[in-house]
C-alpha cells in the first residue's frame, strides 16, 4: 500500500513551485530596475 497523497501533492505542487520561481525572478528584476532608476535620478 503506497502513500495516497504522494502522487496528488507532487502534481499539485509542481505548478506552484514553477509560479513561485517565476514570480521571484520577476520581482527581483523589477526591484533591481527600480533601484537603478532611483540611483540615476539622484545623480
N, C-alpha and C. Protein backbone atom coordinates (compact mmCIF):
# COMPACT_ATOMS: atom_id res chain seq x y z
N UNK A 1 0.85 -1.19 0.00
CA UNK A 1 0.00 0.00 0.00
C UNK A 1 0.89 1.24 0.00
N UNK A 2 0.77 2.06 -1.03
CA UNK A 2 1.60 3.25 -1.14
C UNK A 2 0.98 4.44 -0.44
N UNK A 3 1.69 5.53 -0.49
CA UNK A 3 1.21 6.77 0.13
C UNK A 3 0.18 7.41 -0.81
N UNK A 4 -1.07 7.56 -0.39
CA UNK A 4 -2.09 8.11 -1.30
C UNK A 4 -1.89 9.59 -1.63
N UNK A 5 -1.19 10.31 -0.77
CA UNK A 5 -1.00 11.74 -1.01
C UNK A 5 0.22 12.05 -1.85
N UNK A 6 1.08 11.04 -2.07
CA UNK A 6 2.34 11.29 -2.77
C UNK A 6 2.08 11.80 -4.19
N UNK A 7 1.25 11.10 -4.95
CA UNK A 7 1.02 11.49 -6.34
C UNK A 7 0.24 12.79 -6.44
N UNK A 8 -0.78 12.97 -5.61
CA UNK A 8 -1.61 14.17 -5.73
C UNK A 8 -0.84 15.41 -5.31
N UNK A 9 -0.04 15.32 -4.25
CA UNK A 9 0.65 16.52 -3.79
C UNK A 9 1.76 16.93 -4.76
N UNK A 10 2.48 15.95 -5.32
CA UNK A 10 3.57 16.32 -6.23
C UNK A 10 3.02 16.96 -7.50
N UNK A 11 1.89 16.46 -7.99
CA UNK A 11 1.29 17.04 -9.19
C UNK A 11 0.78 18.45 -8.89
N UNK A 12 0.18 18.64 -7.72
CA UNK A 12 -0.39 19.95 -7.39
C UNK A 12 0.70 20.97 -7.07
N UNK A 13 1.80 20.52 -6.47
CA UNK A 13 2.86 21.46 -6.09
C UNK A 13 3.72 21.86 -7.27
N UNK A 14 3.75 21.06 -8.32
CA UNK A 14 4.62 21.37 -9.45
C UNK A 14 4.34 22.75 -10.04
N UNK A 15 3.09 23.10 -10.41
CA UNK A 15 2.85 24.46 -10.93
C UNK A 15 3.07 25.54 -9.89
N UNK A 16 2.83 25.23 -8.62
CA UNK A 16 3.05 26.22 -7.56
C UNK A 16 4.54 26.56 -7.47
N UNK A 17 5.38 25.54 -7.53
CA UNK A 17 6.83 25.76 -7.48
C UNK A 17 7.29 26.56 -8.70
N UNK A 18 6.77 26.20 -9.87
CA UNK A 18 7.15 26.93 -11.09
C UNK A 18 6.72 28.39 -11.00
N UNK A 19 5.49 28.64 -10.54
CA UNK A 19 4.99 30.00 -10.44
C UNK A 19 5.79 30.81 -9.42
N UNK A 20 6.13 30.18 -8.28
CA UNK A 20 6.90 30.87 -7.25
C UNK A 20 8.27 31.26 -7.78
N UNK A 21 8.91 30.35 -8.50
CA UNK A 21 10.23 30.64 -9.08
C UNK A 21 10.13 31.79 -10.07
N UNK A 22 9.15 31.72 -10.96
CA UNK A 22 8.98 32.76 -11.97
C UNK A 22 8.69 34.11 -11.32
N UNK A 23 7.79 34.12 -10.33
CA UNK A 23 7.44 35.36 -9.66
C UNK A 23 8.64 35.94 -8.92
N UNK A 24 9.44 35.08 -8.31
CA UNK A 24 10.64 35.54 -7.61
C UNK A 24 11.62 36.19 -8.55
N UNK A 25 11.81 35.60 -9.71
CA UNK A 25 12.73 36.18 -10.69
C UNK A 25 12.20 37.52 -11.20
N UNK A 26 10.91 37.60 -11.47
CA UNK A 26 10.33 38.85 -11.95
C UNK A 26 10.41 39.94 -10.88
N UNK A 27 10.12 39.59 -9.63
CA UNK A 27 10.17 40.57 -8.55
C UNK A 27 11.59 41.09 -8.36
N UNK A 28 12.57 40.20 -8.46
CA UNK A 28 13.97 40.61 -8.33
C UNK A 28 14.35 41.56 -9.46
N UNK A 29 13.94 41.23 -10.68
CA UNK A 29 14.26 42.07 -11.83
C UNK A 29 13.63 43.46 -11.69
N UNK A 30 12.38 43.51 -11.24
CA UNK A 30 11.69 44.79 -11.05
C UNK A 30 12.38 45.61 -9.96
N UNK A 31 12.76 44.95 -8.87
CA UNK A 31 13.41 45.66 -7.77
C UNK A 31 14.75 46.23 -8.22
N UNK A 32 15.52 45.46 -8.96
CA UNK A 32 16.82 45.93 -9.43
C UNK A 32 16.65 47.11 -10.37
N UNK A 33 15.67 47.04 -11.27
CA UNK A 33 15.47 48.14 -12.21
C UNK A 33 15.00 49.40 -11.49
N UNK A 34 14.19 49.24 -10.43
CA UNK A 34 13.75 50.41 -9.66
C UNK A 34 14.92 51.05 -8.92
N UNK A 35 15.79 50.24 -8.37
CA UNK A 35 16.96 50.76 -7.65
C UNK A 35 17.87 51.51 -8.62
N UNK A 36 18.07 50.96 -9.81
CA UNK A 36 18.92 51.62 -10.80
C UNK A 36 18.29 52.95 -11.22
N UNK A 37 16.96 52.98 -11.37
CA UNK A 37 16.26 54.19 -11.76
C UNK A 37 16.41 55.26 -10.68
N UNK A 38 16.27 54.86 -9.42
CA UNK A 38 16.45 55.80 -8.30
C UNK A 38 17.87 56.35 -8.27
N UNK A 39 18.85 55.51 -8.47
CA UNK A 39 20.23 55.96 -8.46
C UNK A 39 20.50 56.91 -9.61
N UNK A 40 19.90 56.69 -10.76
CA UNK A 40 20.09 57.56 -11.92
C UNK A 40 19.47 58.94 -11.65
N UNK A 41 18.35 58.98 -10.95
CA UNK A 41 17.69 60.25 -10.65
C UNK A 41 18.47 61.05 -9.59
N UNK A 42 19.10 60.33 -8.65
CA UNK A 42 19.83 61.02 -7.59
C UNK A 42 21.05 61.74 -8.12
N UNK A 43 21.74 61.17 -9.11
CA UNK A 43 22.99 61.78 -9.58
C UNK A 43 22.79 62.74 -10.72
